[in-house]
Structures are given as C-alpha cells and as structure tokens.
Amino acid sequence: MSTSIFFHLALLCCLLSTSSAKIGRPSRPKGLLFPVSKDPSTLQYTTQIKQRTPLVPVKLTIDLGGQFLWTDCQKGYTTSTYSPARCKSNSCSLAKSGNCLTECYYRARPGCTNNTCTLFPDNAIASASTTGTLGSDVISVQSAFGGPRVTISQFLFVCGSSSLLDKLSRNVTGMAGLGRTNVSMPSQFSDAFKLKRKFGMCLSSSSSNGAILFGDFDSSTAPLTYTPLLINPVSTAGIMTEGEVSADYFIGVKSIKINEKVVPINAKLLSINATQGNGGTKISTIHPYTVLETSIYKALVKAFVTELKVPRVKSVAPFGACFSSKNIGTVYTGPAVPKIDLVLQSKDVYWRIYGRNSMVQVSKDVMCLGFVNGGNPTTSIVLGGHQLEENLLEIDTEFSKLGFSSLLFRKQICANYNFVAKS
C-alpha cells in the first residue's frame, strides 16, 4: 500500500470516528447517583427514578436485601415500551424464574400477559409477598460526578399488585431491590454501564438527603474498615424456592462489647445455620432499628444499663430501656453513653456504634436505647437504619466485602458527604 493511500485511509477513519462520537451515544457514566430521603412518619428510606415511555417519576422504598425492582402495575401503569419476559427466555433464566404464567384471564396490560415468567415481589415491611410477572421497560437515572441523566431501554423489573403497597410511604409505588441477585438494581447497572460491582450508601438521619452511588468512588476522606460479606445458603425472602440463597448482605459478628467488655451471649446464634439459614447478622434498610434475638437483646440491655449508671424511666414502645435525657451529656458523636462494638473477624476489626446511633430521643426529656426485642427471628441480629445512619458503607459484591466508616467520628454527616470519582 502506498504512503498516500495509507494516509487517506487513516484520515477517513479519523473523520468517521469523530463523527460517531458526535452523533453516537454519550460516553458511559463513571457512576450513578441516587438521592435518598428519610420519611419522618414511616422512617423508610426512599428514592426516585424515572420509568416508562413517556417517562414518569417513580418513588421507591429502598430494600437493601431486595431481589429486584418491583412496582405496582395495577393502577396507572401506562407506557408504550413495556416488554414481558417470555417463559424460558434469557431474561427469565437470568432472574432464575422457574414459574410461568401461561394465560392471564384479564385484559392484557403490564403485569398481565400470557406466556410470561413470574417471580415473587416482597414487601418485608408489611410481611407481604405475591406473585408478579417479569418484564422490562425504559428507566432514566442520574449520572454521578456531574454527569447527565442516562437511560436503559430494557431494564428488568417485576410488576407487583397494589396490595403490596401496604405500609409503604406516601406516594411510593414499589421497592428498589439492591440485593445479591443477577437482576437487582446494582447488578443491572453494572452490566449496562460496565461499572464496578460495588456501591456506596450513606443514609442521613436528618430531613436532608443521603445518597446511594452505584460504581466506584474515592473513600480517602473517610477511610473504610473492611469485613467479609457472607452468603446465607438459604433464602430469607418472604416466598422462596428450594436451593435459593439469600439476597441479603450478611456479616460475621463474633461478639459484642460494651465499653470494651464482652457481653455474654450464646455464640451459636451469631453463626448462620448451613441447613436452615437461621442465625447470623444482616444489614437492613427496611427495619428502622436494629432487631435482636431475645436472649441477645436482654444481655445487651443489662450490660448497657450497668455501664451507663443512669436510672431508667418508663419504657416507650418499641424500646425496652429508656432514660431521662437530663442525666445524659452530649459529645460530638451524640449522647455520651457507653460505646457498643460489634467485633468482626478479629478483635482488632469492629463496628463501633456511638451514642448518635445507639440512642433515640423519643420525647423532650426521654431517650431510649434504640434496639428492639425481636423474639425468636430467623436472623439473630438485623442491623437497622438508625444504626446505619451517618455511616459510609461500601458494598462490594465482586470481592464480597463490606467497607464501613463512621462519619460522626470524623465530624462529617451524610447530608454533606461528597462522593468523589476514583482516579
């Protein structure tokens, strides 16, 4: 090939490449940013996406361990771009659906189409689950780090029924499932935009927004401590199929300390039973406060009261240990009360719960220990929203680890925490 011909071919390729960049799709985002607000009446954490054609705002309650995005398709779901997932299709296989709705006996609409695979949308707040159909539609979400809104044309979700909206926050029409499945929101975002299989979460305790960031970010301003994420081999969903693993995020708590003193509890309750899936510790955004198995709860309360040395007052539901606020001072990490440590894979790795995350102001003069007696639950410790607030969390499913850092200890809060792109 002559030098002249080679030069002209190279120039043509360059021009075509430049033209494609101008008229083609925008470059993929480095991350996706979801503002998260706390509903003061339900204590649920909510966010909003845009879905359907034409796009409409959809308000969702965040379920950290939820298997997928589900929305109510019974009332007002109007779109021109919905596509049902046909039985035995690749989408059904991805979602691990083993059931099929062969015939819907009502007027065809999203959520009611023949030959469509089914899943089980779950509202754990109301302890309700139903059968729903899998399908896809357009969604639009905000890029992180100053980027534009981006669109996914075939985002998989499940059509639920209006009955599943019971006890959800006002104007919420579904739940955003962020759990460990192939069709959860983090997994689909990672696949669509080639993002790292991780996301950051920072829940605000105030009326100001916190945030969830899908993708990688720089946490050097709040260095993270890491602990392994464990897999419960038995599903913790409301309706499960045999052999299905849990979509929830579990961590390995080995012991609990209060003011550096070990709380005497049955260590067997802290392990996950490999056959039944009972026990262990999971992280939850649908429980407003940490829920403990009865014997763990009683031991924790007894040790905390002993260390606090402040007279108790009448209990205020749902809490069992309450105190006069006048007898408790304040420091920059909240009420000046004993520190609670969840000891993890070694004595040197622990999740410290300061007063802001352990105490709840229930009235002007009364403050309660913000843990709830859960009786004999499936999971021994469920870390709830109040204990997660003002903590930066990084959930990394690629390397199966959880990073955590108390912003209070660093004199920061989630409302003004700035996610920064990793260089």
Protein backbone atom coordinates (compact mmCIF):
# COMPACT_ATOMS: atom_id res chain seq x y z
CA MET A 1 0.00 0.00 0.00
CA SER A 2 1.40 3.40 -0.97
CA THR A 3 2.04 6.04 1.69
CA SER A 4 -0.57 8.31 0.06
CA ILE A 5 -3.35 5.70 0.14
CA PHE A 6 -2.49 4.74 3.73
CA PHE A 7 -2.62 8.40 4.79
CA HIS A 8 -6.05 8.95 3.22
CA LEU A 9 -7.49 5.77 4.79
CA ALA A 10 -6.21 6.82 8.22
CA LEU A 11 -7.69 10.29 7.75
CA LEU A 12 -11.06 8.79 6.72
CA CYS A 13 -11.10 6.55 9.81
CA CYS A 14 -10.34 9.52 11.99
CA LEU A 15 -13.17 11.56 10.48
CA LEU A 16 -15.62 8.67 10.86
CA SER A 17 -14.57 8.20 14.45
CA THR A 18 -15.03 11.90 15.20
CA SER A 19 -18.44 11.89 13.52
CA SER A 20 -19.54 8.84 15.50
CA ALA A 21 -18.51 10.46 18.76
CA LYS A 22 -20.66 13.48 17.97
CA ILE A 23 -23.84 11.65 16.94
CA GLY A 24 -23.50 8.42 18.91
CA ARG A 25 -24.43 7.61 22.48
CA PRO A 26 -22.87 9.65 25.28
CA SER A 27 -19.87 8.07 26.97
CA ARG A 28 -20.81 5.64 29.73
CA PRO A 29 -21.08 7.18 33.20
CA LYS A 30 -18.45 6.62 35.87
CA GLY A 31 -21.24 6.05 38.36
CA LEU A 32 -24.91 6.63 39.12
CA LEU A 33 -26.11 8.81 42.00
CA PHE A 34 -29.44 8.34 43.78
CA PRO A 35 -30.52 10.92 46.38
CA VAL A 36 -32.07 9.17 49.40
CA SER A 37 -34.52 10.81 51.79
CA LYS A 38 -35.93 9.57 55.08
CA ASP A 39 -39.69 9.63 55.56
CA PRO A 40 -40.28 11.07 59.06
CA SER A 41 -43.56 9.22 59.57
CA THR A 42 -42.62 5.71 58.36
CA LEU A 43 -38.83 6.01 58.88
CA GLN A 44 -38.38 4.44 55.45
CA TYR A 45 -35.61 5.46 53.07
CA THR A 46 -36.90 6.42 49.65
CA THR A 47 -35.50 7.40 46.28
CA GLN A 48 -36.88 8.22 42.86
CA ILE A 49 -36.22 7.08 39.30
CA LYS A 50 -37.94 7.87 36.02
CA GLN A 51 -39.50 4.94 34.19
CA ARG A 52 -41.71 4.13 31.15
CA THR A 53 -42.46 5.98 27.90
CA PRO A 54 -43.20 8.77 28.31
CA LEU A 55 -41.02 8.96 31.43
CA VAL A 56 -42.76 9.50 34.75
CA PRO A 57 -41.22 9.82 38.24
CA VAL A 58 -41.47 6.64 40.32
CA LYS A 59 -40.93 6.85 44.07
CA LEU A 60 -39.47 3.73 45.66
CA THR A 61 -38.71 2.46 49.16
CA ILE A 62 -35.15 1.14 49.35
CA ASP A 63 -34.77 -2.51 50.30
CA LEU A 64 -31.07 -3.26 50.67
CA GLY A 65 -31.67 -7.01 50.56
CA GLY A 66 -34.43 -6.88 47.95
CA GLN A 67 -34.08 -9.24 44.99
CA PHE A 68 -35.14 -6.79 42.26
CA LEU A 69 -37.03 -3.62 41.45
CA TRP A 70 -40.79 -4.08 41.66
CA THR A 71 -43.54 -1.57 41.01
CA ASP A 72 -47.32 -1.55 41.14
CA CYS A 73 -48.64 -2.22 37.63
CA GLN A 74 -52.31 -2.49 38.61
CA LYS A 75 -53.02 1.22 38.85
CA GLY A 76 -51.91 3.81 36.34
CA TYR A 77 -49.02 1.97 34.71
CA THR A 78 -49.12 3.47 31.23
CA THR A 79 -46.25 3.04 28.79
CA SER A 80 -45.52 2.22 25.16
CA THR A 81 -42.23 0.42 25.81
CA TYR A 82 -43.08 -2.39 28.25
CA SER A 83 -41.91 -5.82 27.14
CA PRO A 84 -42.92 -9.00 29.01
CA ALA A 85 -40.23 -11.62 29.70
CA ARG A 86 -41.45 -14.67 27.82
CA CYS A 87 -41.22 -18.03 29.55
CA LYS A 88 -37.86 -19.79 29.09
CA SER A 89 -36.30 -16.63 27.69
CA ASN A 90 -32.80 -15.45 28.60
CA SER A 91 -34.31 -12.82 30.90
CA CYS A 92 -36.19 -15.50 32.84
CA SER A 93 -33.04 -17.59 33.13
CA LEU A 94 -31.08 -14.56 34.37
CA ALA A 95 -33.73 -13.95 37.01
CA LYS A 96 -33.78 -17.66 37.92
CA SER A 97 -37.52 -17.82 37.42
CA GLY A 98 -38.85 -21.36 37.38
CA ASN A 99 -42.53 -20.46 37.05
CA CYS A 100 -44.65 -19.35 34.12
CA LEU A 101 -47.97 -17.52 33.76
CA THR A 102 -49.35 -19.35 30.73
CA GLU A 103 -52.59 -17.39 30.46
CA CYS A 104 -53.84 -14.19 32.06
CA TYR A 105 -57.61 -14.06 32.28
CA TYR A 106 -57.92 -10.26 32.34
CA ARG A 107 -57.29 -7.55 29.78
CA ALA A 108 -53.67 -7.65 28.61
CA ARG A 109 -51.52 -4.98 30.27
CA PRO A 110 -48.12 -4.76 32.01
CA GLY A 111 -48.31 -7.41 34.71
CA CYS A 112 -50.95 -9.45 32.90
CA THR A 113 -49.60 -11.04 29.72
CA ASN A 114 -49.68 -14.63 28.52
CA ASN A 115 -46.57 -16.81 28.49
CA THR A 116 -44.66 -14.63 30.97
CA CYS A 117 -42.32 -15.86 33.69
CA THR A 118 -43.08 -14.99 37.29
CA LEU A 119 -41.23 -14.03 40.46
CA PHE A 120 -42.32 -13.09 43.96
CA PRO A 121 -42.24 -9.38 44.81
CA ASP A 122 -41.80 -8.93 48.55
CA ASN A 123 -42.79 -6.13 50.94
CA ALA A 124 -40.99 -7.19 54.10
CA ILE A 125 -42.25 -4.10 55.95
CA ALA A 126 -45.80 -5.40 55.71
CA SER A 127 -44.69 -9.07 55.68
CA ALA A 128 -46.44 -9.47 52.32
CA SER A 129 -45.45 -11.34 49.16
CA THR A 130 -47.38 -12.08 45.97
CA THR A 131 -46.78 -13.48 42.50
CA GLY A 132 -45.67 -10.94 39.90
CA THR A 133 -44.56 -11.06 36.28
CA LEU A 134 -41.12 -10.20 34.97
CA GLY A 135 -40.78 -7.61 32.23
CA SER A 136 -38.66 -4.70 31.06
CA ASP A 137 -39.16 -1.01 30.39
CA VAL A 138 -37.20 2.19 29.97
CA ILE A 139 -35.67 3.82 33.05
CA SER A 140 -33.74 7.06 33.35
CA VAL A 141 -31.28 7.74 36.18
CA GLN A 142 -28.77 10.44 37.12
CA SER A 143 -25.07 10.01 36.46
CA ALA A 144 -22.69 10.72 39.31
CA PHE A 145 -19.86 13.23 39.43
CA GLY A 146 -21.71 15.90 37.45
CA GLY A 147 -22.68 13.70 34.51
CA PRO A 148 -26.01 13.81 32.62
CA ARG A 149 -29.05 11.59 33.04
CA VAL A 150 -28.67 8.25 31.29
CA THR A 151 -31.23 5.76 30.01
CA ILE A 152 -31.51 1.98 29.99
CA SER A 153 -34.04 0.86 27.38
CA GLN A 154 -34.78 -2.64 28.73
CA PHE A 155 -34.41 -2.61 32.49
CA LEU A 156 -35.83 -5.75 34.09
CA PHE A 157 -38.35 -5.35 36.90
CA VAL A 158 -41.34 -7.18 38.34
CA CYS A 159 -44.93 -6.00 38.12
CA GLY A 160 -46.49 -6.22 41.57
CA SER A 161 -50.03 -5.60 42.76
CA SER A 162 -51.49 -2.63 44.61
CA SER A 163 -51.97 -4.74 47.73
CA LEU A 164 -48.18 -4.85 48.15
CA LEU A 165 -48.09 -1.10 48.83
CA ASP A 166 -49.49 -1.57 52.33
CA LYS A 167 -47.43 0.30 54.98
CA LEU A 168 -45.13 1.90 52.41
CA SER A 169 -44.50 5.64 52.50
CA ARG A 170 -46.89 8.10 50.88
CA ASN A 171 -46.72 8.12 47.06
CA VAL A 172 -44.36 5.13 46.99
CA THR A 173 -45.32 2.71 44.21
CA GLY A 174 -42.72 -0.01 44.66
CA MET A 175 -39.41 -1.05 46.16
CA ALA A 176 -35.84 -0.72 44.93
CA GLY A 177 -34.15 -4.08 45.49
CA LEU A 178 -30.37 -3.79 45.97
CA GLY A 179 -29.65 -7.38 46.99
CA ARG A 180 -27.30 -10.09 45.75
CA THR A 181 -29.09 -11.32 42.61
CA ASN A 182 -28.50 -11.12 38.87
CA VAL A 183 -31.47 -8.78 38.36
CA SER A 184 -31.12 -6.47 41.35
CA MET A 185 -30.60 -2.80 40.54
CA PRO A 186 -26.82 -2.80 41.27
CA SER A 187 -26.28 -5.87 39.05
CA GLN A 188 -28.21 -4.41 36.13
CA PHE A 189 -26.45 -1.04 36.42
CA SER A 190 -23.07 -2.79 36.46
CA ASP A 191 -23.98 -4.82 33.36
CA ALA A 192 -25.46 -1.87 31.46
CA PHE A 193 -22.63 0.59 32.04
CA LYS A 194 -19.67 -1.71 32.86
CA LEU A 195 -19.45 -0.28 36.37
CA LYS A 196 -17.53 -1.89 39.21
CA ARG A 197 -19.72 -4.36 41.08
CA LYS A 198 -19.93 -2.22 44.17
CA PHE A 199 -22.00 0.63 45.54
CA GLY A 200 -21.73 3.18 48.32
CA MET A 201 -24.52 4.11 50.70
CA CYS A 202 -24.77 6.98 53.16
CA LEU A 203 -28.10 7.35 54.99
CA SER A 204 -28.87 10.70 56.57
CA SER A 205 -30.53 10.96 59.98
CA SER A 206 -31.98 14.37 59.15
CA SER A 207 -34.51 15.69 56.65
CA SER A 208 -31.60 16.35 54.28
CA ASN A 209 -30.77 13.82 51.58
CA GLY A 210 -28.32 10.99 51.91
CA ALA A 211 -27.21 9.11 48.81
CA ILE A 212 -26.50 5.80 47.13
CA LEU A 213 -23.77 5.74 44.50
CA PHE A 214 -23.50 2.81 42.10
CA GLY A 215 -19.97 2.25 40.87
CA ASP A 216 -16.52 3.04 42.27
CA PHE A 217 -15.66 6.06 44.39
CA ASP A 218 -12.78 7.53 46.39
CA SER A 219 -13.26 6.97 50.14
CA SER A 220 -9.95 8.51 51.25
CA THR A 221 -11.75 11.29 53.15
CA ALA A 222 -13.44 8.63 55.28
CA PRO A 223 -11.12 5.59 55.22
CA LEU A 224 -13.03 2.33 55.32
CA THR A 225 -12.61 -0.73 57.50
CA TYR A 226 -13.41 -3.95 55.65
CA THR A 227 -15.09 -7.17 56.69
CA PRO A 228 -16.14 -10.14 54.52
CA LEU A 229 -19.69 -10.37 53.21
CA LEU A 230 -21.14 -13.78 53.96
CA ILE A 231 -23.70 -15.71 51.91
CA ASN A 232 -26.63 -17.30 53.68
CA PRO A 233 -27.26 -20.53 51.74
CA VAL A 234 -30.99 -20.35 52.50
CA SER A 235 -33.20 -17.57 51.15
CA THR A 236 -34.60 -15.08 53.67
CA ALA A 237 -37.28 -13.80 51.26
CA GLY A 238 -40.99 -13.99 52.07
CA ILE A 239 -41.52 -16.66 49.40
CA MET A 240 -38.58 -18.83 48.44
CA THR A 241 -37.75 -21.73 46.18
CA GLU A 242 -35.68 -24.75 47.17
CA GLY A 243 -31.95 -24.18 46.80
CA GLU A 244 -32.29 -20.40 46.56
CA VAL A 245 -29.64 -18.46 48.51
CA SER A 246 -30.40 -15.26 50.40
CA ALA A 247 -30.13 -11.92 48.59
CA ASP A 248 -29.42 -10.17 51.92
CA TYR A 249 -25.97 -8.91 52.94
CA PHE A 250 -24.63 -10.80 55.96
CA ILE A 251 -21.52 -10.05 58.01
CA GLY A 252 -19.73 -12.19 60.60
CA VAL A 253 -20.22 -10.72 64.06
CA LYS A 254 -18.15 -12.80 66.51
CA SER A 255 -19.05 -11.00 69.76
CA ILE A 256 -20.47 -7.78 71.20
CA LYS A 257 -18.65 -5.47 73.59
CA ILE A 258 -19.87 -2.53 75.64
CA ASN A 259 -17.13 -0.21 76.93
CA GLU A 260 -14.62 -2.88 75.87
CA LYS A 261 -16.35 -5.54 78.00
CA VAL A 262 -17.70 -8.67 76.29
CA VAL A 263 -21.48 -9.13 76.52
CA PRO A 264 -22.25 -12.75 77.49
CA ILE A 265 -24.38 -14.21 74.68
CA ASN A 266 -24.83 -17.59 73.00
CA ALA A 267 -22.17 -17.57 70.28
CA LYS A 268 -24.08 -20.17 68.26
CA LEU A 269 -26.72 -17.54 67.49
CA LEU A 270 -24.08 -15.47 65.70
CA SER A 271 -23.37 -18.16 63.09
CA ILE A 272 -25.53 -18.95 60.06
CA ASN A 273 -27.01 -22.42 60.17
CA ALA A 274 -25.99 -24.03 56.87
CA THR A 275 -29.13 -26.18 56.67
CA GLN A 276 -31.91 -23.85 57.83
CA GLY A 277 -30.31 -20.43 57.29
CA ASN A 278 -31.10 -19.29 60.84
CA GLY A 279 -28.83 -17.04 62.87
CA GLY A 280 -26.15 -14.61 61.75
CA THR A 281 -26.16 -10.84 61.22
CA LYS A 282 -27.55 -8.98 58.22
CA ILE A 283 -27.83 -5.33 57.23
CA SER A 284 -31.28 -3.90 56.51
CA THR A 285 -32.81 -0.64 55.36
CA ILE A 286 -36.40 -1.77 55.97
CA HIS A 287 -36.03 -2.13 59.74
CA PRO A 288 -35.84 1.33 61.34
CA TYR A 289 -33.92 -0.01 64.34
CA THR A 290 -31.66 -2.99 64.99
CA VAL A 291 -33.65 -6.12 65.89
CA LEU A 292 -32.09 -8.67 68.23
CA GLU A 293 -32.99 -12.21 69.21
CA THR A 294 -34.45 -12.13 72.74
CA SER A 295 -31.51 -13.53 74.69
CA ILE A 296 -29.06 -11.24 72.86
CA TYR A 297 -31.35 -8.27 73.45
CA LYS A 298 -31.66 -8.93 77.19
CA ALA A 299 -27.91 -9.39 77.61
CA LEU A 300 -27.18 -6.19 75.67
CA VAL A 301 -29.67 -4.13 77.69
CA LYS A 302 -28.38 -5.48 81.01
CA ALA A 303 -24.75 -4.72 80.14
CA PHE A 304 -25.58 -1.28 78.73
CA VAL A 305 -27.61 -0.25 81.81
CA THR A 306 -24.80 -1.43 84.07
CA GLU A 307 -22.22 0.64 82.21
CA LEU A 308 -24.39 3.74 81.78
CA LYS A 309 -25.18 4.04 85.50
CA VAL A 310 -28.22 6.24 84.87
CA PRO A 311 -31.63 5.42 86.41
CA ARG A 312 -34.19 4.05 83.96
CA VAL A 313 -37.59 5.59 83.32
CA LYS A 314 -40.77 4.04 81.95
CA SER A 315 -40.22 2.25 78.64
CA VAL A 316 -41.54 3.73 75.41
CA ALA A 317 -42.50 1.24 72.68
CA PRO A 318 -40.86 -0.30 70.74
CA PHE A 319 -37.89 0.19 73.09
CA GLY A 320 -37.30 -1.53 76.41
CA ALA A 321 -34.60 0.59 78.06
CA CYS A 322 -35.28 4.32 78.42
CA PHE A 323 -33.61 7.06 80.45
CA SER A 324 -34.00 10.69 81.43
CA SER A 325 -32.20 12.90 78.91
CA LYS A 326 -31.27 15.29 81.71
CA ASN A 327 -28.88 12.71 83.09
CA ILE A 328 -27.03 12.12 79.80
CA GLY A 329 -24.49 14.53 78.40
CA THR A 330 -23.58 15.16 74.77
CA VAL A 331 -20.35 14.84 72.78
CA TYR A 332 -19.65 15.28 69.05
CA THR A 333 -20.68 11.67 68.34
CA GLY A 334 -24.05 12.15 70.06
CA PRO A 335 -25.25 11.28 73.57
CA ALA A 336 -22.41 10.48 75.98
CA VAL A 337 -23.27 6.82 76.53
CA PRO A 338 -21.24 3.58 76.51
CA LYS A 339 -19.80 2.56 73.15
CA ILE A 340 -21.16 -0.63 71.60
CA ASP A 341 -18.75 -2.66 69.47
CA LEU A 342 -19.69 -5.41 67.05
CA VAL A 343 -16.50 -7.44 66.93
CA LEU A 344 -15.95 -8.90 63.47
CA GLN A 345 -13.31 -11.23 62.04
CA SER A 346 -10.78 -10.35 64.77
CA LYS A 347 -10.61 -8.36 67.99
CA ASP A 348 -8.99 -5.51 66.06
CA VAL A 349 -11.81 -5.23 63.50
CA TYR A 350 -15.05 -3.92 64.93
CA TRP A 351 -18.03 -1.77 64.01
CA ARG A 352 -18.34 0.86 66.75
CA ILE A 353 -21.80 2.24 67.49
CA TYR A 354 -21.64 5.69 69.09
CA GLY A 355 -24.40 7.43 71.03
CA ARG A 356 -25.96 9.04 67.97
CA ASN A 357 -26.59 5.58 66.53
CA SER A 358 -27.40 3.75 69.76
CA MET A 359 -29.86 6.21 71.36
CA VAL A 360 -33.24 7.55 70.20
CA GLN A 361 -34.78 10.76 71.53
CA VAL A 362 -38.44 9.80 71.97
CA SER A 363 -39.57 12.97 73.76
CA LYS A 364 -38.10 16.17 75.15
CA ASP A 365 -36.89 14.50 78.34
CA VAL A 366 -36.68 10.79 77.45
CA MET A 367 -34.05 8.92 75.49
CA CYS A 368 -34.12 5.17 74.74
CA LEU A 369 -31.61 2.55 73.70
CA GLY A 370 -32.50 2.10 70.02
CA PHE A 371 -32.56 -1.69 69.83
CA VAL A 372 -35.68 -3.84 69.58
CA ASN A 373 -36.51 -7.24 71.08
CA GLY A 374 -37.22 -9.44 68.06
CA GLY A 375 -38.26 -12.60 69.89
CA ASN A 376 -37.05 -15.66 68.01
CA PRO A 377 -36.43 -14.34 64.49
CA THR A 378 -34.84 -16.15 61.56
CA THR A 379 -31.81 -13.83 61.70
CA SER A 380 -30.32 -13.22 65.16
CA ILE A 381 -29.13 -9.65 64.51
CA VAL A 382 -30.65 -7.34 61.91
CA LEU A 383 -28.74 -4.06 61.76
CA GLY A 384 -31.43 -1.45 61.11
CA GLY A 385 -31.48 2.02 59.63
CA HIS A 386 -30.87 4.04 62.80
CA GLN A 387 -27.61 2.20 63.39
CA LEU A 388 -26.56 2.66 59.74
CA GLU A 389 -27.16 6.41 59.56
CA GLU A 390 -24.17 8.74 59.24
CA ASN A 391 -22.02 5.77 58.28
CA LEU A 392 -20.39 5.49 54.89
CA LEU A 393 -20.86 1.94 53.59
CA GLU A 394 -19.29 0.31 50.54
CA ILE A 395 -20.88 -2.96 49.44
CA ASP A 396 -18.52 -4.77 47.10
CA THR A 397 -20.02 -7.93 45.62
CA GLU A 398 -17.13 -8.58 43.24
CA PHE A 399 -14.77 -9.18 46.17
CA SER A 400 -17.56 -10.00 48.66
CA LYS A 401 -16.65 -7.43 51.30
CA LEU A 402 -18.24 -4.58 53.22
CA GLY A 403 -16.40 -1.35 53.91
CA PHE A 404 -17.68 0.92 56.68
CA SER A 405 -16.68 4.19 58.32
CA SER A 406 -18.42 6.36 60.92
CA LEU A 407 -18.70 9.90 59.56
CA LEU A 408 -19.65 11.15 63.04
CA PHE A 409 -16.23 10.13 64.32
CA ARG A 410 -14.74 12.25 61.53
CA LYS A 411 -17.12 15.14 62.30
CA GLN A 412 -18.96 14.70 59.00
CA ILE A 413 -22.53 13.74 58.11
CA CYS A 414 -24.11 12.03 55.13
CA ALA A 415 -26.13 15.12 54.16
CA ASN A 416 -22.96 16.89 53.06
CA TYR A 417 -20.75 13.94 52.19
CA ASN A 418 -19.41 14.38 48.66
CA PHE A 419 -18.86 11.22 46.64
CA VAL A 420 -15.73 11.73 44.55
CA ALA A 421 -14.72 9.75 41.48
CA LYS A 422 -11.82 7.36 41.91
CA SER A 423 -8.91 8.49 39.82
